[in-house]
């Protein structure tokens, strides 16, 4: 399943401290690291956006930097999602200014 959350609702959840930041460390292919703040929103704050019609495949991949460090990751390949009619209506109303 996929879920949607309006940006103004996300900001409201952060300001009201219902969602707290998480500091995540990333390593670049060149070896440099950086810390970034991310927010993880619970599903019950969001609306159902769609359901998977066909599951994607998880494909292993990696990046090798100039120092020989290997940075493994997983990427998605294929799959499809069917958007719910209610979600399309909500997005249409939001784009026309109706709320």
N, C-alpha and C. Protein backbone atom coordinates (compact mmCIF):
# COMPACT_ATOMS: atom_id res chain seq x y z
N UNK A 1 0.83 -1.18 0.00
CA UNK A 1 0.00 0.00 0.00
C UNK A 1 0.87 1.24 0.00
N UNK A 2 0.31 2.31 -0.54
CA UNK A 2 0.98 3.61 -0.52
C UNK A 2 0.07 4.59 0.22
N UNK A 3 0.67 5.51 0.95
CA UNK A 3 -0.09 6.48 1.71
C UNK A 3 0.34 7.89 1.31
N UNK A 4 -0.59 8.84 1.43
CA UNK A 4 -0.30 10.24 1.12
C UNK A 4 -0.49 11.10 2.35
N UNK A 5 0.21 12.23 2.36
CA UNK A 5 0.11 13.18 3.45
C UNK A 5 0.40 14.56 2.89
N UNK A 6 -0.51 15.49 3.09
CA UNK A 6 -0.33 16.86 2.60
C UNK A 6 0.82 17.54 3.35
N UNK A 7 1.55 18.38 2.66
CA UNK A 7 2.70 19.06 3.26
C UNK A 7 2.27 19.92 4.45
N UNK A 8 1.14 20.62 4.34
CA UNK A 8 0.71 21.46 5.47
C UNK A 8 0.36 20.61 6.69
N UNK A 9 -0.19 19.42 6.48
CA UNK A 9 -0.49 18.51 7.58
C UNK A 9 0.82 18.00 8.20
N UNK A 10 1.81 17.69 7.36
CA UNK A 10 3.12 17.24 7.85
C UNK A 10 3.77 18.33 8.71
N UNK A 11 3.72 19.57 8.22
CA UNK A 11 4.29 20.68 8.98
C UNK A 11 3.58 20.85 10.32
N UNK A 12 2.26 20.71 10.32
CA UNK A 12 1.47 20.82 11.55
C UNK A 12 1.89 19.74 12.55
N UNK A 13 2.11 18.51 12.08
CA UNK A 13 2.52 17.41 12.96
C UNK A 13 3.90 17.66 13.55
N UNK A 14 4.79 18.26 12.77
CA UNK A 14 6.14 18.56 13.25
C UNK A 14 6.10 19.69 14.28
N UNK A 15 5.37 20.75 13.98
CA UNK A 15 5.27 21.89 14.89
C UNK A 15 4.65 21.50 16.23
N UNK A 16 3.64 20.61 16.18
CA UNK A 16 2.97 20.18 17.41
C UNK A 16 3.75 19.08 18.13
N UNK A 17 4.91 18.70 17.62
CA UNK A 17 5.82 17.70 18.17
C UNK A 17 5.18 16.31 18.27
N UNK A 18 4.22 16.06 17.39
CA UNK A 18 3.66 14.70 17.30
C UNK A 18 4.60 13.81 16.49
N UNK A 19 5.41 14.44 15.66
CA UNK A 19 6.45 13.74 14.90
C UNK A 19 7.79 14.40 15.25
N UNK A 20 8.74 13.60 15.71
CA UNK A 20 10.04 14.14 16.10
C UNK A 20 11.09 13.81 15.04
N UNK A 21 12.11 14.64 14.94
CA UNK A 21 13.15 14.40 13.93
C UNK A 21 14.04 13.22 14.30
N UNK A 22 14.59 12.63 13.27
CA UNK A 22 15.59 11.57 13.41
C UNK A 22 16.82 12.03 12.65
N UNK A 23 17.98 11.94 13.28
CA UNK A 23 19.23 12.32 12.60
C UNK A 23 19.77 11.06 11.94
N UNK A 24 20.01 11.17 10.63
CA UNK A 24 20.53 10.03 9.88
C UNK A 24 21.86 10.42 9.25
N UNK A 25 22.83 9.51 9.28
CA UNK A 25 24.15 9.76 8.72
C UNK A 25 24.25 9.09 7.36
N UNK A 26 24.69 9.85 6.36
CA UNK A 26 24.85 9.35 5.00
C UNK A 26 26.32 9.39 4.62
N UNK A 27 26.75 8.41 3.84
CA UNK A 27 28.13 8.40 3.36
C UNK A 27 28.11 8.55 1.85
N UNK A 28 28.82 9.55 1.36
CA UNK A 28 28.91 9.81 -0.07
C UNK A 28 29.94 8.87 -0.70
N UNK A 29 29.82 8.63 -2.01
CA UNK A 29 30.80 7.75 -2.67
C UNK A 29 32.25 8.19 -2.49
N UNK A 30 32.50 9.49 -2.32
CA UNK A 30 33.86 9.99 -2.13
C UNK A 30 34.40 9.76 -0.73
N UNK A 31 33.58 9.23 0.17
CA UNK A 31 34.01 8.96 1.53
C UNK A 31 33.50 9.96 2.55
N UNK A 32 33.03 11.13 2.09
CA UNK A 32 32.53 12.15 3.02
C UNK A 32 31.21 11.69 3.65
N UNK A 33 31.00 12.08 4.88
CA UNK A 33 29.73 11.77 5.54
C UNK A 33 29.01 13.07 5.86
N UNK A 34 27.70 12.98 5.89
CA UNK A 34 26.89 14.13 6.27
C UNK A 34 25.71 13.64 7.09
N UNK A 35 25.27 14.48 7.98
CA UNK A 35 24.11 14.16 8.81
C UNK A 35 22.92 14.96 8.30
N UNK A 36 21.78 14.30 8.22
CA UNK A 36 20.56 14.95 7.75
C UNK A 36 19.43 14.61 8.71
N UNK A 37 18.53 15.57 8.87
CA UNK A 37 17.36 15.34 9.70
C UNK A 37 16.25 14.84 8.80
N UNK A 38 15.64 13.71 9.20
CA UNK A 38 14.50 13.18 8.46
C UNK A 38 13.32 13.03 9.42
N UNK A 39 12.13 12.97 8.87
CA UNK A 39 10.91 12.79 9.65
C UNK A 39 10.20 11.55 9.15
N UNK A 40 9.80 10.69 10.08
CA UNK A 40 9.08 9.47 9.75
C UNK A 40 7.64 9.63 10.23
N UNK A 41 6.71 9.64 9.29
CA UNK A 41 5.31 9.86 9.61
C UNK A 41 4.58 8.53 9.74
N UNK A 42 3.79 8.41 10.79
CA UNK A 42 3.02 7.19 11.02
C UNK A 42 1.87 7.11 10.02
N UNK A 43 1.55 5.89 9.63
CA UNK A 43 0.49 5.66 8.64
C UNK A 43 -0.85 6.23 9.06
N UNK A 44 -1.15 6.22 10.36
CA UNK A 44 -2.49 6.67 10.78
C UNK A 44 -2.69 8.18 10.60
N UNK A 45 -1.63 8.94 10.33
CA UNK A 45 -1.79 10.36 10.02
C UNK A 45 -2.07 10.59 8.54
N UNK A 46 -1.86 9.58 7.72
CA UNK A 46 -1.97 9.71 6.27
C UNK A 46 -3.28 9.12 5.75
N UNK A 47 -3.50 9.29 4.45
CA UNK A 47 -4.68 8.70 3.80
C UNK A 47 -4.19 7.64 2.80
N UNK A 48 -5.01 6.60 2.58
CA UNK A 48 -4.62 5.57 1.61
C UNK A 48 -4.56 6.16 0.21
N UNK A 49 -3.43 6.01 -0.45
CA UNK A 49 -3.23 6.58 -1.78
C UNK A 49 -3.43 5.54 -2.88
N UNK A 50 -2.96 4.32 -2.67
CA UNK A 50 -3.10 3.29 -3.68
C UNK A 50 -2.59 1.96 -3.18
N UNK A 51 -2.75 0.95 -4.05
CA UNK A 51 -2.31 -0.39 -3.73
C UNK A 51 -1.48 -0.95 -4.87
N UNK A 52 -0.53 -1.79 -4.52
CA UNK A 52 0.33 -2.39 -5.53
C UNK A 52 -0.48 -3.37 -6.37
N UNK A 53 -0.41 -3.19 -7.66
CA UNK A 53 -1.02 -4.13 -8.60
C UNK A 53 0.00 -5.23 -8.92
N UNK A 54 1.24 -4.81 -9.02
CA UNK A 54 2.35 -5.73 -9.27
C UNK A 54 3.50 -5.29 -8.39
N UNK A 55 4.02 -6.20 -7.59
CA UNK A 55 5.11 -5.88 -6.68
C UNK A 55 6.40 -5.61 -7.45
N UNK A 56 7.19 -4.63 -7.01
CA UNK A 56 8.49 -4.42 -7.65
C UNK A 56 9.48 -5.48 -7.21
N UNK A 57 10.52 -5.66 -7.98
CA UNK A 57 11.62 -6.54 -7.60
C UNK A 57 12.65 -5.71 -6.84
N UNK A 58 13.26 -6.31 -5.84
CA UNK A 58 14.35 -5.66 -5.11
C UNK A 58 15.64 -6.16 -5.72
N UNK A 59 16.41 -5.23 -6.27
CA UNK A 59 17.62 -5.58 -7.00
C UNK A 59 18.83 -5.07 -6.23
N UNK A 60 19.79 -5.95 -5.93
CA UNK A 60 21.00 -5.49 -5.24
C UNK A 60 21.86 -4.64 -6.17
N UNK A 61 22.47 -3.62 -5.60
CA UNK A 61 23.36 -2.74 -6.36
C UNK A 61 24.42 -2.21 -5.40
N UNK A 62 25.45 -1.59 -5.95
CA UNK A 62 26.47 -0.98 -5.11
C UNK A 62 27.18 0.12 -5.88
N UNK A 63 27.81 0.99 -5.11
CA UNK A 63 28.67 2.03 -5.66
C UNK A 63 30.05 1.79 -5.05
N UNK A 64 31.07 1.85 -5.88
CA UNK A 64 32.44 1.73 -5.39
C UNK A 64 33.11 3.08 -5.52
N UNK A 65 33.58 3.65 -4.41
CA UNK A 65 34.21 4.97 -4.48
C UNK A 65 35.67 4.86 -4.89
N UNK A 66 36.32 6.01 -5.02
CA UNK A 66 37.70 6.06 -5.52
C UNK A 66 38.69 5.38 -4.57
N UNK A 67 38.31 5.22 -3.30
CA UNK A 67 39.18 4.56 -2.32
C UNK A 67 38.90 3.06 -2.21
N UNK A 68 38.01 2.55 -3.05
CA UNK A 68 37.70 1.13 -3.03
C UNK A 68 36.61 0.73 -2.03
N UNK A 69 36.02 1.74 -1.35
CA UNK A 69 34.92 1.42 -0.43
C UNK A 69 33.70 1.02 -1.24
N UNK A 70 33.03 -0.01 -0.80
CA UNK A 70 31.82 -0.47 -1.48
C UNK A 70 30.62 -0.05 -0.64
N UNK A 71 29.69 0.66 -1.29
CA UNK A 71 28.47 1.13 -0.62
C UNK A 71 27.29 0.37 -1.20
N UNK A 72 26.85 -0.70 -0.52
CA UNK A 72 25.73 -1.49 -1.05
C UNK A 72 24.40 -0.80 -0.80
N UNK A 73 23.45 -1.03 -1.68
CA UNK A 73 22.08 -0.54 -1.50
C UNK A 73 21.14 -1.43 -2.31
N UNK A 74 19.87 -1.22 -2.13
CA UNK A 74 18.85 -1.96 -2.86
C UNK A 74 18.05 -0.97 -3.68
N UNK A 75 17.75 -1.32 -4.92
CA UNK A 75 16.91 -0.46 -5.75
C UNK A 75 15.69 -1.25 -6.19
N UNK A 76 14.63 -0.53 -6.49
CA UNK A 76 13.39 -1.14 -6.93
C UNK A 76 13.34 -1.15 -8.45
N UNK A 77 12.83 -2.25 -9.00
CA UNK A 77 12.71 -2.36 -10.44
C UNK A 77 11.33 -2.92 -10.77
N UNK A 78 10.64 -2.25 -11.69
CA UNK A 78 9.31 -2.74 -12.10
C UNK A 78 8.24 -2.43 -11.08
N UNK A 79 7.15 -3.15 -11.15
CA UNK A 79 6.01 -2.96 -10.26
C UNK A 79 5.06 -1.91 -10.79
N UNK A 80 3.85 -1.90 -10.24
CA UNK A 80 2.87 -0.88 -10.62
C UNK A 80 1.94 -0.62 -9.45
N UNK A 81 1.37 0.56 -9.44
CA UNK A 81 0.50 1.00 -8.35
C UNK A 81 -0.81 1.50 -8.92
N UNK A 82 -1.92 1.10 -8.32
CA UNK A 82 -3.24 1.58 -8.72
C UNK A 82 -3.66 2.65 -7.71
N UNK A 83 -3.86 3.87 -8.19
CA UNK A 83 -4.26 4.97 -7.32
C UNK A 83 -5.75 4.85 -7.00
N UNK A 84 -6.10 5.03 -5.74
CA UNK A 84 -7.51 4.95 -5.32
C UNK A 84 -8.29 6.15 -5.84
N UNK A 85 -9.55 5.94 -6.24
CA UNK A 85 -10.38 7.05 -6.72
C UNK A 85 -10.53 8.17 -5.69
N UNK A 86 -10.64 7.82 -4.40
CA UNK A 86 -10.78 8.83 -3.35
C UNK A 86 -9.53 9.72 -3.29
N UNK A 87 -8.37 9.12 -3.50
CA UNK A 87 -7.12 9.88 -3.48
C UNK A 87 -7.06 10.83 -4.67
N UNK A 88 -7.49 10.36 -5.84
CA UNK A 88 -7.51 11.22 -7.03
C UNK A 88 -8.45 12.40 -6.81
N UNK A 89 -9.59 12.14 -6.19
CA UNK A 89 -10.56 13.21 -5.91
C UNK A 89 -9.96 14.22 -4.93
N UNK A 90 -9.29 13.73 -3.89
CA UNK A 90 -8.66 14.61 -2.90
C UNK A 90 -7.59 15.47 -3.57
N UNK A 91 -6.77 14.86 -4.42
CA UNK A 91 -5.72 15.62 -5.11
C UNK A 91 -6.32 16.63 -6.08
N UNK A 92 -7.40 16.26 -6.76
CA UNK A 92 -8.08 17.17 -7.67
C UNK A 92 -8.65 18.36 -6.90
N UNK A 93 -9.28 18.09 -5.76
CA UNK A 93 -9.84 19.18 -4.93
C UNK A 93 -8.73 20.10 -4.42
N UNK A 94 -7.61 19.53 -4.04
CA UNK A 94 -6.51 20.33 -3.53
C UNK A 94 -5.93 21.23 -4.62
N UNK A 95 -5.87 20.71 -5.84
CA UNK A 95 -5.30 21.52 -6.93
C UNK A 95 -6.23 22.64 -7.37
N UNK A 96 -7.54 22.48 -7.13
CA UNK A 96 -8.50 23.52 -7.52
C UNK A 96 -8.77 24.49 -6.37
N UNK A 97 -8.14 24.26 -5.22
CA UNK A 97 -8.31 25.16 -4.09
C UNK A 97 -9.43 24.77 -3.14
N UNK A 98 -10.20 23.70 -3.45
CA UNK A 98 -11.25 23.21 -2.56
C UNK A 98 -10.63 22.39 -1.46
N UNK A 99 -11.09 22.57 -0.27
CA UNK A 99 -10.59 21.74 0.83
C UNK A 99 -11.70 21.31 1.64
